C-alpha cells in the first residue's frame, strides 16, 4: 500500500509543493508577518522534512516538535486558530493549483488539520 508521500509524487512533489506554498503564504496578509524575520531557505527545508515525515516518506524526523517550534509565535505574536486555518487554506489552494486530486487533498487535509496538530501548533 502506497504512502501519502508516494501518492503525492515523492520528494520532488513535496519540494515543489512547499516552494509554491511559501510563495502563497508570503503574499497572504493574514499570516505573512509571521515569516518576516524567518530564514526562508531553512523554513522550506524544515517544512519539507516535516511533510515528508507526516505523509509517510520516512519514519524519522529530526526537526523541532510543533509545540516548541510555535511557542513564541503563540505567546509573543498571538498565533491562533484563524492563522492555523489560513495556513491550511493556503496549503489546499497550493495543491489545487498543482492539480492534486480532491481525494489526495482530503488525505492531506486529514493529516495537516488533525486536531492534535492544531493543539500542538497552538500550544493548547
PDB file of N, CA and C in Angstrom:
ATOM      1  N   UNK A   1       0.838  -1.186   0.000  1.00  0.00           N
ATOM      2  CA  UNK A   1       0.000   0.000   0.000  1.00  0.00           C
ATOM      3  C   UNK A   1       0.883   1.250   0.000  1.00  0.00           C
ATOM      4  N   UNK A   2       0.597   2.155  -0.907  1.00  0.00           N
ATOM      5  CA  UNK A   2       1.403   3.366  -1.035  1.00  0.00           C
ATOM      6  C   UNK A   2       1.118   4.344   0.096  1.00  0.00           C
ATOM      7  N   UNK A   3       2.188   5.040   0.508  1.00  0.00           N
ATOM      8  CA  UNK A   3       2.026   6.101   1.497  1.00  0.00           C
ATOM      9  C   UNK A   3       1.464   7.349   0.804  1.00  0.00           C
ATOM     10  N   UNK A   4       0.968   8.263   1.593  1.00  0.00           N
ATOM     11  CA  UNK A   4       0.502   9.532   1.039  1.00  0.00           C
ATOM     12  C   UNK A   4       1.655  10.245   0.348  1.00  0.00           C
ATOM     13  N   UNK A   5       2.839  10.162   0.912  1.00  0.00           N
ATOM     14  CA  UNK A   5       4.041  10.736   0.315  1.00  0.00           C
ATOM     15  C   UNK A   5       4.234  10.216  -1.110  1.00  0.00           C
ATOM     16  N   UNK A   6       4.104   8.911  -1.290  1.00  0.00           N
ATOM     17  CA  UNK A   6       4.266   8.302  -2.610  1.00  0.00           C
ATOM     18  C   UNK A   6       3.127   8.695  -3.544  1.00  0.00           C
ATOM     19  N   UNK A   7       1.905   8.699  -3.030  1.00  0.00           N
ATOM     20  CA  UNK A   7       0.752   9.065  -3.848  1.00  0.00           C
ATOM     21  C   UNK A   7       0.867  10.489  -4.377  1.00  0.00           C
ATOM     22  N   UNK A   8       1.459  11.360  -3.580  1.00  0.00           N
ATOM     23  CA  UNK A   8       1.610  12.759  -3.997  1.00  0.00           C
ATOM     24  C   UNK A   8       2.724  12.958  -5.021  1.00  0.00           C
ATOM     25  N   UNK A   9       3.622  11.982  -5.127  1.00  0.00           N
ATOM     26  CA  UNK A   9       4.700  12.084  -6.110  1.00  0.00           C
ATOM     27  C   UNK A   9       6.088  12.107  -5.516  1.00  0.00           C
ATOM     28  N   UNK A  10       6.215  11.828  -4.220  1.00  0.00           N
ATOM     29  CA  UNK A  10       7.527  11.723  -3.591  1.00  0.00           C
ATOM     30  C   UNK A  10       8.201  13.053  -3.330  1.00  0.00           C
ATOM     31  N   UNK A  11       9.506  12.974  -3.165  1.00  0.00           N
ATOM     32  CA  UNK A  11      10.298  14.133  -2.761  1.00  0.00           C
ATOM     33  C   UNK A  11      10.178  15.312  -3.725  1.00  0.00           C
ATOM     34  N   UNK A  12      10.183  15.051  -5.017  1.00  0.00           N
ATOM     35  CA  UNK A  12      10.089  16.144  -5.989  1.00  0.00           C
ATOM     36  C   UNK A  12       8.773  16.898  -5.846  1.00  0.00           C
ATOM     37  N   UNK A  13       7.690  16.163  -5.637  1.00  0.00           N
ATOM     38  CA  UNK A  13       6.380  16.801  -5.482  1.00  0.00           C
ATOM     39  C   UNK A  13       6.310  17.598  -4.184  1.00  0.00           C
ATOM     40  N   UNK A  14       6.868  17.048  -3.103  1.00  0.00           N
ATOM     41  CA  UNK A  14       6.870  17.768  -1.824  1.00  0.00           C
ATOM     42  C   UNK A  14       7.704  19.035  -1.950  1.00  0.00           C
ATOM     43  N   UNK A  15       8.856  18.944  -2.587  1.00  0.00           N
ATOM     44  CA  UNK A  15       9.701  20.129  -2.786  1.00  0.00           C
ATOM     45  C   UNK A  15       8.940  21.219  -3.539  1.00  0.00           C
ATOM     46  N   UNK A  16       8.303  20.847  -4.622  1.00  0.00           N
ATOM     47  CA  UNK A  16       7.553  21.809  -5.424  1.00  0.00           C
ATOM     48  C   UNK A  16       6.385  22.387  -4.629  1.00  0.00           C
ATOM     49  N   UNK A  17       5.661  21.528  -3.936  1.00  0.00           N
ATOM     50  CA  UNK A  17       4.504  21.985  -3.159  1.00  0.00           C
ATOM     51  C   UNK A  17       4.923  22.967  -2.077  1.00  0.00           C
ATOM     52  N   UNK A  18       6.000  22.670  -1.366  1.00  0.00           N
ATOM     53  CA  UNK A  18       6.462  23.565  -0.298  1.00  0.00           C
ATOM     54  C   UNK A  18       6.900  24.906  -0.873  1.00  0.00           C
ATOM     55  N   UNK A  19       7.630  24.884  -1.982  1.00  0.00           N
ATOM     56  CA  UNK A  19       8.055  26.146  -2.592  1.00  0.00           C
ATOM     57  C   UNK A  19       6.854  26.980  -3.029  1.00  0.00           C
ATOM     58  N   UNK A  20       5.893  26.360  -3.677  1.00  0.00           N
ATOM     59  CA  UNK A  20       4.692  27.083  -4.119  1.00  0.00           C
ATOM     60  C   UNK A  20       3.861  27.544  -2.915  1.00  0.00           C
ATOM     61  N   UNK A  21       3.782  26.711  -1.890  1.00  0.00           N
ATOM     62  CA  UNK A  21       3.054  27.046  -0.677  1.00  0.00           C
ATOM     63  C   UNK A  21       3.619  28.318  -0.043  1.00  0.00           C
ATOM     64  N   UNK A  22       4.932  28.395   0.097  1.00  0.00           N
ATOM     65  CA  UNK A  22       5.510  29.585   0.728  1.00  0.00           C
ATOM     66  C   UNK A  22       5.397  30.821  -0.152  1.00  0.00           C
ATOM     67  N   UNK A  23       5.394  30.652  -1.458  1.00  0.00           N
ATOM     68  CA  UNK A  23       5.113  31.802  -2.329  1.00  0.00           C
ATOM     69  C   UNK A  23       3.737  32.375  -1.978  1.00  0.00           C
ATOM     70  N   UNK A  24       2.777  31.499  -1.776  1.00  0.00           N
ATOM     71  CA  UNK A  24       1.411  31.909  -1.435  1.00  0.00           C
ATOM     72  C   UNK A  24       1.365  32.516  -0.023  1.00  0.00           C
ATOM     73  N   UNK A  25       1.992  31.842   0.936  1.00  0.00           N
ATOM     74  CA  UNK A  25       1.991  32.305   2.332  1.00  0.00           C
ATOM     75  C   UNK A  25       2.592  33.700   2.445  1.00  0.00           C
ATOM     76  N   UNK A  26       3.672  33.940   1.736  1.00  0.00           N
ATOM     77  CA  UNK A  26       4.362  35.226   1.837  1.00  0.00           C
ATOM     78  C   UNK A  26       3.581  36.371   1.191  1.00  0.00           C
ATOM     79  N   UNK A  27       2.498  36.037   0.497  1.00  0.00           N
ATOM     80  CA  UNK A  27       1.598  37.046  -0.068  1.00  0.00           C
ATOM     81  C   UNK A  27       0.302  37.172   0.746  1.00  0.00           C
ATOM     82  N   UNK A  28       0.128  36.306   1.722  1.00  0.00           N
ATOM     83  CA  UNK A  28      -1.111  36.233   2.494  1.00  0.00           C
ATOM     84  C   UNK A  28      -1.045  37.200   3.679  1.00  0.00           C
ATOM     85  N   UNK A  29      -1.798  38.282   3.601  1.00  0.00           N
ATOM     86  CA  UNK A  29      -1.757  39.308   4.642  1.00  0.00           C
ATOM     87  C   UNK A  29      -2.159  38.796   6.022  1.00  0.00           C
ATOM     88  N   UNK A  30      -2.860  37.683   6.070  1.00  0.00           N
ATOM     89  CA  UNK A  30      -3.280  37.132   7.360  1.00  0.00           C
ATOM     90  C   UNK A  30      -2.115  36.526   8.134  1.00  0.00           C
ATOM     91  N   UNK A  31      -1.093  36.059   7.422  1.00  0.00           N
ATOM     92  CA  UNK A  31      -0.040  35.292   8.095  1.00  0.00           C
ATOM     93  C   UNK A  31       1.391  35.648   7.690  1.00  0.00           C
ATOM     94  N   UNK A  32       1.572  36.436   6.659  1.00  0.00           N
ATOM     95  CA  UNK A  32       2.936  36.662   6.165  1.00  0.00           C
ATOM     96  C   UNK A  32       3.856  37.299   7.199  1.00  0.00           C
ATOM     97  N   UNK A  33       3.294  38.060   8.127  1.00  0.00           N
ATOM     98  CA  UNK A  33       4.121  38.718   9.139  1.00  0.00           C
ATOM     99  C   UNK A  33       4.828  37.722  10.057  1.00  0.00           C
ATOM    100  N   UNK A  34       4.309  36.522  10.174  1.00  0.00           N
ATOM    101  CA  UNK A  34       4.970  35.520  10.995  1.00  0.00           C
ATOM    102  C   UNK A  34       6.282  35.046  10.369  1.00  0.00           C
ATOM    103  N   UNK A  35       6.471  35.320   9.116  1.00  0.00           N
ATOM    104  CA  UNK A  35       7.663  34.867   8.406  1.00  0.00           C
ATOM    105  C   UNK A  35       8.608  36.013   8.051  1.00  0.00           C
ATOM    106  N   UNK A  36       8.300  37.209   8.518  1.00  0.00           N
ATOM    107  CA  UNK A  36       9.066  38.404   8.152  1.00  0.00           C
ATOM    108  C   UNK A  36      10.552  38.269   8.486  1.00  0.00           C
ATOM    109  N   UNK A  37      10.874  37.679   9.610  1.00  0.00           N
ATOM    110  CA  UNK A  37      12.273  37.557  10.030  1.00  0.00           C
ATOM    111  C   UNK A  37      12.819  36.145   9.869  1.00  0.00           C
ATOM    112  N   UNK A  38      12.063  35.295   9.215  1.00  0.00           N
ATOM    113  CA  UNK A  38      12.474  33.892   9.068  1.00  0.00           C
ATOM    114  C   UNK A  38      13.483  33.722   7.940  1.00  0.00           C
ATOM    115  N   UNK A  39      14.398  32.800   8.143  1.00  0.00           N
ATOM    116  CA  UNK A  39      15.295  32.358   7.083  1.00  0.00           C
ATOM    117  C   UNK A  39      14.473  31.391   6.241  1.00  0.00           C
ATOM    118  N   UNK A  40      13.997  31.861   5.102  1.00  0.00           N
ATOM    119  CA  UNK A  40      13.056  31.068   4.316  1.00  0.00           C
ATOM    120  C   UNK A  40      13.694  29.838   3.674  1.00  0.00           C
ATOM    121  N   UNK A  41      14.995  29.852   3.482  1.00  0.00           N
ATOM    122  CA  UNK A  41      15.659  28.646   2.983  1.00  0.00           C
ATOM    123  C   UNK A  41      15.552  27.554   4.043  1.00  0.00           C
ATOM    124  N   UNK A  42      15.874  27.902   5.291  1.00  0.00           N
ATOM    125  CA  UNK A  42      15.763  26.933   6.386  1.00  0.00           C
ATOM    126  C   UNK A  42      14.309  26.554   6.636  1.00  0.00           C
ATOM    127  N   UNK A  43      13.419  27.528   6.561  1.00  0.00           N
ATOM    128  CA  UNK A  43      11.997  27.259   6.780  1.00  0.00           C
ATOM    129  C   UNK A  43      11.475  26.238   5.780  1.00  0.00           C
ATOM    130  N   UNK A  44      11.844  26.423   4.516  1.00  0.00           N
ATOM    131  CA  UNK A  44      11.426  25.469   3.484  1.00  0.00           C
ATOM    132  C   UNK A  44      11.995  24.074   3.759  1.00  0.00           C
ATOM    133  N   UNK A  45      13.272  24.026   4.160  1.00  0.00           N
ATOM    134  CA  UNK A  45      13.899  22.739   4.467  1.00  0.00           C
ATOM    135  C   UNK A  45      13.169  22.036   5.610  1.00  0.00           C
ATOM    136  N   UNK A  46      12.845  22.796   6.662  1.00  0.00           N
ATOM    137  CA  UNK A  46      12.123  22.219   7.806  1.00  0.00           C
ATOM    138  C   UNK A  46      10.753  21.698   7.381  1.00  0.00           C
ATOM    139  N   UNK A  47      10.061  22.490   6.572  1.00  0.00           N
ATOM    140  CA  UNK A  47       8.714  22.093   6.151  1.00  0.00           C
ATOM    141  C   UNK A  47       8.767  20.849   5.261  1.00  0.00           C
ATOM    142  N   UNK A  48       9.733  20.796   4.377  1.00  0.00           N
ATOM    143  CA  UNK A  48       9.876  19.623   3.511  1.00  0.00           C
ATOM    144  C   UNK A  48      10.164  18.379   4.348  1.00  0.00           C
ATOM    145  N   UNK A  49      11.036  18.507   5.338  1.00  0.00           N
ATOM    146  CA  UNK A  49      11.351  17.375   6.210  1.00  0.00           C
ATOM    147  C   UNK A  49      10.129  16.947   7.008  1.00  0.00           C
ATOM    148  N   UNK A  50       9.393  17.924   7.532  1.00  0.00           N
ATOM    149  CA  UNK A  50       8.218  17.589   8.324  1.00  0.00           C
ATOM    150  C   UNK A  50       7.145  16.911   7.473  1.00  0.00           C
ATOM    151  N   UNK A  51       6.853  17.477   6.298  1.00  0.00           N
ATOM    152  CA  UNK A  51       5.814  16.880   5.455  1.00  0.00           C
ATOM    153  C   UNK A  51       6.218  15.504   4.950  1.00  0.00           C
ATOM    154  N   UNK A  52       7.483  15.328   4.646  1.00  0.00           N
ATOM    155  CA  UNK A  52       7.959  14.002   4.244  1.00  0.00           C
ATOM    156  C   UNK A  52       7.667  12.997   5.351  1.00  0.00           C
ATOM    157  N   UNK A  53       7.936  13.384   6.584  1.00  0.00           N
ATOM    158  CA  UNK A  53       7.647  12.524   7.737  1.00  0.00           C
ATOM    159  C   UNK A  53       6.138  12.341   7.926  1.00  0.00           C
ATOM    160  N   UNK A  54       5.400  13.445   7.945  1.00  0.00           N
ATOM    161  CA  UNK A  54       3.958  13.394   8.215  1.00  0.00           C
ATOM    162  C   UNK A  54       3.199  12.589   7.172  1.00  0.00           C
ATOM    163  N   UNK A  55       3.678  12.591   5.942  1.00  0.00           N
ATOM    164  CA  UNK A  55       2.992  11.893   4.860  1.00  0.00           C
ATOM    165  C   UNK A  55       3.556  10.484   4.613  1.00  0.00           C
ATOM    166  N   UNK A  56       4.431  10.020   5.497  1.00  0.00           N
ATOM    167  CA  UNK A  56       4.899   8.642   5.427  1.00  0.00           C
ATOM    168  C   UNK A  56       6.106   8.400   4.554  1.00  0.00           C
ATOM    169  N   UNK A  57       6.835   9.453   4.208  1.00  0.00           N
ATOM    170  CA  UNK A  57       8.015   9.292   3.363  1.00  0.00           C
ATOM    171  C   UNK A  57       9.235   8.814   4.129  1.00  0.00           C
ATOM    172  N   UNK A  58       9.193   8.954   5.445  1.00  0.00           N
ATOM    173  CA  UNK A  58      10.254   8.473   6.319  1.00  0.00           C
ATOM    174  C   UNK A  58       9.667   8.268   7.705  1.00  0.00           C
ATOM    175  N   UNK A  59      10.336   7.459   8.496  1.00  0.00           N
ATOM    176  CA  UNK A  59       9.868   7.277   9.869  1.00  0.00           C
ATOM    177  C   UNK A  59      10.721   8.080  10.847  1.00  0.00           C
ATOM    178  N   UNK A  60      11.600   8.931  10.311  1.00  0.00           N
ATOM    179  CA  UNK A  60      12.481   9.737  11.159  1.00  0.00           C
ATOM    180  C   UNK A  60      12.239  11.226  10.903  1.00  0.00           C
ATOM    181  N   UNK A  61      12.140  11.963  11.992  1.00  0.00           N
ATOM    182  CA  UNK A  61      12.010  13.422  11.902  1.00  0.00           C
ATOM    183  C   UNK A  61      12.916  14.020  12.958  1.00  0.00           C
ATOM    184  N   UNK A  62      13.869  14.842  12.538  1.00  0.00           N
ATOM    185  CA  UNK A  62      14.847  15.406  13.451  1.00  0.00           C
ATOM    186  C   UNK A  62      14.576  16.873  13.784  1.00  0.00           C
ATOM    187  N   UNK A  63      13.491  17.409  13.239  1.00  0.00           N
ATOM    188  CA  UNK A  63      13.180  18.816  13.489  1.00  0.00           C
ATOM    189  C   UNK A  63      12.556  19.030  14.861  1.00  0.00           C
ATOM    190  N   UNK A  64      12.340  20.290  15.179  1.00  0.00           N
ATOM    191  CA  UNK A  64      11.698  20.625  16.450  1.00  0.00           C
ATOM    192  C   UNK A  64      10.246  20.169  16.420  1.00  0.00           C
ATOM    193  N   UNK A  65       9.746  19.834  17.574  1.00  0.00           N
ATOM    194  CA  UNK A  65       8.343  19.462  17.676  1.00  0.00           C
ATOM    195  C   UNK A  65       7.469  20.703  17.516  1.00  0.00           C
ATOM    196  N   UNK A  66       6.238  20.487  17.102  1.00  0.00           N
ATOM    197  CA  UNK A  66       5.331  21.592  16.790  1.00  0.00           C
ATOM    198  C   UNK A  66       5.156  22.571  17.947  1.00  0.00           C
ATOM    199  N   UNK A  67       4.989  22.073  19.148  1.00  0.00           N
ATOM    200  CA  UNK A  67       4.805  22.963  20.302  1.00  0.00           C
ATOM    201  C   UNK A  67       6.008  23.876  20.475  1.00  0.00           C
ATOM    202  N   UNK A  68       7.177  23.292  20.427  1.00  0.00           N
ATOM    203  CA  UNK A  68       8.412  24.059  20.598  1.00  0.00           C
ATOM    204  C   UNK A  68       8.592  25.060  19.451  1.00  0.00           C
ATOM    205  N   UNK A  69       8.355  24.623  18.248  1.00  0.00           N
ATOM    206  CA  UNK A  69       8.583  25.476  17.076  1.00  0.00           C
ATOM    207  C   UNK A  69       7.651  26.679  17.027  1.00  0.00           C
ATOM    208  N   UNK A  70       6.461  26.562  17.609  1.00  0.00           N
ATOM    209  CA  UNK A  70       5.465  27.636  17.514  1.00  0.00           C
ATOM    210  C   UNK A  70       5.211  28.369  18.821  1.00  0.00           C
ATOM    211  N   UNK A  71       5.886  27.963  19.881  1.00  0.00           N
ATOM    212  CA  UNK A  71       5.642  28.518  21.220  1.00  0.00           C
ATOM    213  C   UNK A  71       5.724  30.045  21.250  1.00  0.00           C
ATOM    214  N   UNK A  72       6.814  30.607  20.763  1.00  0.00           N
ATOM    215  CA  UNK A  72       6.970  32.066  20.779  1.00  0.00           C
ATOM    216  C   UNK A  72       5.948  32.761  19.886  1.00  0.00           C
ATOM    217  N   UNK A  73       5.588  32.128  18.773  1.00  0.00           N
ATOM    218  CA  UNK A  73       4.589  32.737  17.893  1.00  0.00           C
ATOM    219  C   UNK A  73       3.239  32.839  18.595  1.00  0.00           C
ATOM    220  N   UNK A  74       2.909  31.844  19.387  1.00  0.00           N
ATOM    221  CA  UNK A  74       1.649  31.859  20.131  1.00  0.00           C
ATOM    222  C   UNK A  74       1.727  32.875  21.265  1.00  0.00           C
ATOM    223  N   UNK A  75       2.785  32.787  22.068  1.00  0.00           N
ATOM    224  CA  UNK A  75       2.890  33.608  23.276  1.00  0.00           C
ATOM    225  C   UNK A  75       3.217  35.066  23.002  1.00  0.00           C
ATOM    226  N   UNK A  76       4.037  35.333  21.997  1.00  0.00           N
ATOM    227  CA  UNK A  76       4.516  36.699  21.778  1.00  0.00           C
ATOM    228  C   UNK A  76       3.877  37.401  20.580  1.00  0.00           C
ATOM    229  N   UNK A  77       3.348  36.607  19.622  1.00  0.00           N
ATOM    230  CA  UNK A  77       2.806  37.229  18.417  1.00  0.00           C
ATOM    231  C   UNK A  77       1.340  36.897  18.169  1.00  0.00           C
ATOM    232  N   UNK A  78       0.714  36.185  19.092  1.00  0.00           N
ATOM    233  CA  UNK A  78      -0.721  35.956  19.004  1.00  0.00           C
ATOM    234  C   UNK A  78      -1.191  34.950  17.970  1.00  0.00           C
ATOM    235  N   UNK A  79      -0.326  34.004  17.594  1.00  0.00           N
ATOM    236  CA  UNK A  79      -0.745  32.954  16.666  1.00  0.00           C
ATOM    237  C   UNK A  79      -1.970  32.242  17.234  1.00  0.00           C
ATOM    238  N   UNK A  80      -3.019  32.099  16.408  1.00  0.00           N
ATOM    239  CA  UNK A  80      -4.252  31.490  16.898  1.00  0.00           C
ATOM    240  C   UNK A  80      -4.907  30.636  15.814  1.00  0.00           C
ATOM    241  N   UNK A  81      -6.109  30.151  16.103  1.00  0.00           N
ATOM    242  CA  UNK A  81      -6.819  29.254  15.185  1.00  0.00           C
ATOM    243  C   UNK A  81      -7.056  29.867  13.811  1.00  0.00           C
ATOM    244  N   UNK A  82      -7.328  31.153  13.756  1.00  0.00           N
ATOM    245  CA  UNK A  82      -7.537  31.804  12.460  1.00  0.00           C
ATOM    246  C   UNK A  82      -6.291  31.700  11.592  1.00  0.00           C
ATOM    247  N   UNK A  83      -5.125  31.831  12.199  1.00  0.00           N
ATOM    248  CA  UNK A  83      -3.875  31.740  11.454  1.00  0.00           C
ATOM    249  C   UNK A  83      -3.610  30.299  11.030  1.00  0.00           C
ATOM    250  N   UNK A  84      -3.912  29.361  11.917  1.00  0.00           N
ATOM    251  CA  UNK A  84      -3.771  27.942  11.575  1.00  0.00           C
ATOM    252  C   UNK A  84      -4.636  27.618  10.360  1.00  0.00           C
ATOM    253  N   UNK A  85      -5.871  28.105  10.382  1.00  0.00           N
ATOM    254  CA  UNK A  85      -6.790  27.863   9.266  1.00  0.00           C
ATOM    255  C   UNK A  85      -6.297  28.514   7.972  1.00  0.00           C
ATOM    256  N   UNK A  86      -5.684  29.689   8.087  1.00  0.00           N
ATOM    257  CA  UNK A  86      -5.153  30.366   6.899  1.00  0.00           C
ATOM    258  C   UNK A  86      -4.026  29.542   6.274  1.00  0.00           C
ATOM    259  N   UNK A  87      -3.172  28.979   7.116  1.00  0.00           N
ATOM    260  CA  UNK A  87      -2.089  28.126   6.612  1.00  0.00           C
ATOM    261  C   UNK A  87      -2.674  26.900   5.909  1.00  0.00           C
ATOM    262  N   UNK A  88      -3.654  26.267   6.538  1.00  0.00           N
ATOM    263  CA  UNK A  88      -4.289  25.088   5.930  1.00  0.00           C
ATOM    264  C   UNK A  88      -4.942  25.449   4.599  1.00  0.00           C
ATOM    265  N   UNK A  89      -5.602  26.603   4.570  1.00  0.00           N
ATOM    266  CA  UNK A  89      -6.241  27.054   3.325  1.00  0.00           C
ATOM    267  C   UNK A  89      -5.203  27.281   2.232  1.00  0.00           C
ATOM    268  N   UNK A  90      -4.090  27.912   2.587  1.00  0.00           N
ATOM    269  CA  UNK A  90      -3.033  28.150   1.597  1.00  0.00           C
ATOM    270  C   UNK A  90      -2.445  26.839   1.090  1.00  0.00           C
ATOM    271  N   UNK A  91      -2.322  25.859   1.971  1.00  0.00           N
ATOM    272  CA  UNK A  91      -1.822  24.552   1.545  1.00  0.00           C
ATOM    273  C   UNK A  91      -2.790  23.907   0.555  1.00  0.00           C
ATOM    274  N   UNK A  92      -4.066  23.940   0.857  1.00  0.00           N
ATOM    275  CA  UNK A  92      -5.060  23.335  -0.037  1.00  0.00           C
ATOM    276  C   UNK A  92      -5.105  24.058  -1.381  1.00  0.00           C
ATOM    277  N   UNK A  93      -5.029  25.365  -1.370  1.00  0.00           N
ATOM    278  CA  UNK A  93      -5.014  26.129  -2.624  1.00  0.00           C
ATOM    279  C   UNK A  93      -3.782  25.799  -3.454  1.00  0.00           C
ATOM    280  N   UNK A  94      -2.660  25.611  -2.784  1.00  0.00           N
ATOM    281  CA  UNK A  94      -1.428  25.241  -3.482  1.00  0.00           C
ATOM    282  C   UNK A  94      -1.587  23.882  -4.166  1.00  0.00           C
ATOM    283  N   UNK A  95      -2.123  22.919  -3.433  1.00  0.00           N
ATOM    284  CA  UNK A  95      -2.306  21.577  -4.003  1.00  0.00           C
ATOM    285  C   UNK A  95      -3.301  21.595  -5.152  1.00  0.00           C
ATOM    286  N   UNK A  96      -4.355  22.375  -4.998  1.00  0.00           N
ATOM    287  CA  UNK A  96      -5.349  22.507  -6.078  1.00  0.00           C
ATOM    288  C   UNK A  96      -4.689  23.088  -7.322  1.00  0.00           C
ATOM    289  N   UNK A  97      -3.876  24.123  -7.135  1.00  0.00           N
ATOM    290  CA  UNK A  97      -3.164  24.755  -8.248  1.00  0.00           C
ATOM    291  C   UNK A  97      -2.228  23.764  -8.937  1.00  0.00           C
ATOM    292  N   UNK A  98      -1.682  22.824  -8.169  1.00  0.00           N
ATOM    293  CA  UNK A  98      -0.765  21.826  -8.710  1.00  0.00           C
ATOM    294  C   UNK A  98      -1.502  20.679  -9.400  1.00  0.00           C
ATOM    295  N   UNK A  99      -2.828  20.669  -9.331  1.00  0.00           N
ATOM    296  CA  UNK A  99      -3.597  19.618  -9.985  1.00  0.00           C
ATOM    297  C   UNK A  99      -3.741  18.347  -9.159  1.00  0.00           C
ATOM    298  N   UNK A 100      -3.533  18.436  -7.866  1.00  0.00           N
ATOM    299  CA  UNK A 100      -3.697  17.279  -6.990  1.00  0.00           C
ATOM    300  C   UNK A 100      -5.190  16.949  -6.907  1.00  0.00           C
ATOM    301  N   UNK A 101      -5.514  15.676  -6.939  1.00  0.00           N
ATOM    302  CA  UNK A 101      -6.919  15.254  -6.922  1.00  0.00           C
ATOM    303  C   UNK A 101      -7.590  15.622  -5.595  1.00  0.00           C
ATOM    304  N   UNK A 102      -8.908  15.732  -5.648  1.00  0.00           N
ATOM    305  CA  UNK A 102      -9.688  16.014  -4.441  1.00  0.00           C
ATOM    306  C   UNK A 102      -9.470  14.920  -3.395  1.00  0.00           C
ATOM    307  N   UNK A 103      -9.379  13.690  -3.848  1.00  0.00           N
ATOM    308  CA  UNK A 103      -9.170  12.564  -2.937  1.00  0.00           C
ATOM    309  C   UNK A 103      -7.860  12.718  -2.161  1.00  0.00           C
ATOM    310  N   UNK A 104      -6.781  13.035  -2.875  1.00  0.00           N
ATOM    311  CA  UNK A 104      -5.491  13.215  -2.205  1.00  0.00           C
ATOM    312  C   UNK A 104      -5.491  14.469  -1.343  1.00  0.00           C
ATOM    313  N   UNK A 105      -6.150  15.516  -1.808  1.00  0.00           N
ATOM    314  CA  UNK A 105      -6.246  16.735  -0.995  1.00  0.00           C
ATOM    315  C   UNK A 105      -6.957  16.445   0.322  1.00  0.00           C
ATOM    316  N   UNK A 106      -7.966  15.602   0.280  1.00  0.00           N
ATOM    317  CA  UNK A 106      -8.683  15.231   1.500  1.00  0.00           C
ATOM    318  C   UNK A 106      -7.762  14.467   2.458  1.00  0.00           C
ATOM    319  N   UNK A 107      -6.914  13.608   1.909  1.00  0.00           N
ATOM    320  CA  UNK A 107      -5.955  12.884   2.751  1.00  0.00           C
ATOM    321  C   UNK A 107      -4.953  13.845   3.381  1.00  0.00           C
ATOM    322  N   UNK A 108      -4.469  14.799   2.586  1.00  0.00           N
ATOM    323  CA  UNK A 108      -3.541  15.807   3.118  1.00  0.00           C
ATOM    324  C   UNK A 108      -4.219  16.612   4.217  1.00  0.00           C
ATOM    325  N   UNK A 109      -5.431  17.045   3.965  1.00  0.00           N
ATOM    326  CA  UNK A 109      -6.169  17.842   4.958  1.00  0.00           C
ATOM    327  C   UNK A 109      -6.358  17.069   6.247  1.00  0.00           C
ATOM    328  N   UNK A 110      -6.636  15.779   6.140  1.00  0.00           N
ATOM    329  CA  UNK A 110      -6.825  14.960   7.337  1.00  0.00           C
ATOM    330  C   UNK A 110      -5.555  14.913   8.190  1.00  0.00           C
ATOM    331  N   UNK A 111      -4.411  14.889   7.545  1.00  0.00           N
ATOM    332  CA  UNK A 111      -3.139  14.873   8.268  1.00  0.00           C
ATOM    333  C   UNK A 111      -2.811  16.277   8.783  1.00  0.00           C
ATOM    334  N   UNK A 112      -2.856  17.256   7.891  1.00  0.00           N
ATOM    335  CA  UNK A 112      -2.431  18.608   8.240  1.00  0.00           C
ATOM    336  C   UNK A 112      -3.324  19.278   9.278  1.00  0.00           C
ATOM    337  N   UNK A 113      -4.606  18.992   9.225  1.00  0.00           N
ATOM    338  CA  UNK A 113      -5.548  19.661  10.129  1.00  0.00           C
ATOM    339  C   UNK A 113      -6.034  18.762  11.257  1.00  0.00           C
ATOM    340  N   UNK A 114      -5.319  17.690  11.508  1.00  0.00           N
ATOM    341  CA  UNK A 114      -5.704  16.793  12.598  1.00  0.00           C
ATOM    342  C   UNK A 114      -5.791  17.583  13.901  1.00  0.00           C
ATOM    343  N   UNK A 115      -6.794  17.286  14.720  1.00  0.00           N
ATOM    344  CA  UNK A 115      -6.959  18.028  15.980  1.00  0.00           C
ATOM    345  C   UNK A 115      -5.690  18.088  16.827  1.00  0.00           C
ATOM    346  N   UNK A 116      -4.925  17.005  16.856  1.00  0.00           N
ATOM    347  CA  UNK A 116      -3.705  17.036  17.670  1.00  0.00           C
ATOM    348  C   UNK A 116      -2.676  18.000  17.097  1.00  0.00           C
ATOM    349  N   UNK A 117      -2.580  18.093  15.777  1.00  0.00           N
ATOM    350  CA  UNK A 117      -1.644  19.056  15.180  1.00  0.00           C
ATOM    351  C   UNK A 117      -2.045  20.481  15.533  1.00  0.00           C
ATOM    352  N   UNK A 118      -3.334  20.777  15.457  1.00  0.00           N
ATOM    353  CA  UNK A 118      -3.826  22.111  15.822  1.00  0.00           C
ATOM    354  C   UNK A 118      -3.455  22.424  17.276  1.00  0.00           C
ATOM    355  N   UNK A 119      -3.705  21.475  18.166  1.00  0.00           N
ATOM    356  CA  UNK A 119      -3.393  21.684  19.584  1.00  0.00           C
ATOM    357  C   UNK A 119      -1.892  21.898  19.785  1.00  0.00           C
ATOM    358  N   UNK A 120      -1.076  21.104  19.085  1.00  0.00           N
ATOM    359  CA  UNK A 120       0.370  21.232  19.235  1.00  0.00           C
ATOM    360  C   UNK A 120       0.864  22.572  18.704  1.00  0.00           C
ATOM    361  N   UNK A 121       0.424  22.958  17.518  1.00  0.00           N
ATOM    362  CA  UNK A 121       0.861  24.226  16.926  1.00  0.00           C
ATOM    363  C   UNK A 121       0.432  25.412  17.796  1.00  0.00           C
ATOM    364  N   UNK A 122      -0.783  25.337  18.314  1.00  0.00           N
ATOM    365  CA  UNK A 122      -1.320  26.454  19.093  1.00  0.00           C
ATOM    366  C   UNK A 122      -1.026  26.327  20.587  1.00  0.00           C
ATOM    367  N   UNK A 123      -0.202  25.343  20.957  1.00  0.00           N
ATOM    368  CA  UNK A 123       0.211  25.147  22.342  1.00  0.00           C
ATOM    369  C   UNK A 123      -0.970  25.074  23.299  1.00  0.00           C
ATOM    370  N   UNK A 124      -1.965  24.284  22.944  1.00  0.00           N
ATOM    371  CA  UNK A 124      -3.160  24.153  23.780  1.00  0.00           C
ATOM    372  C   UNK A 124      -3.111  22.897  24.623  1.00  0.00           C
TER     373      UNK A 124
END
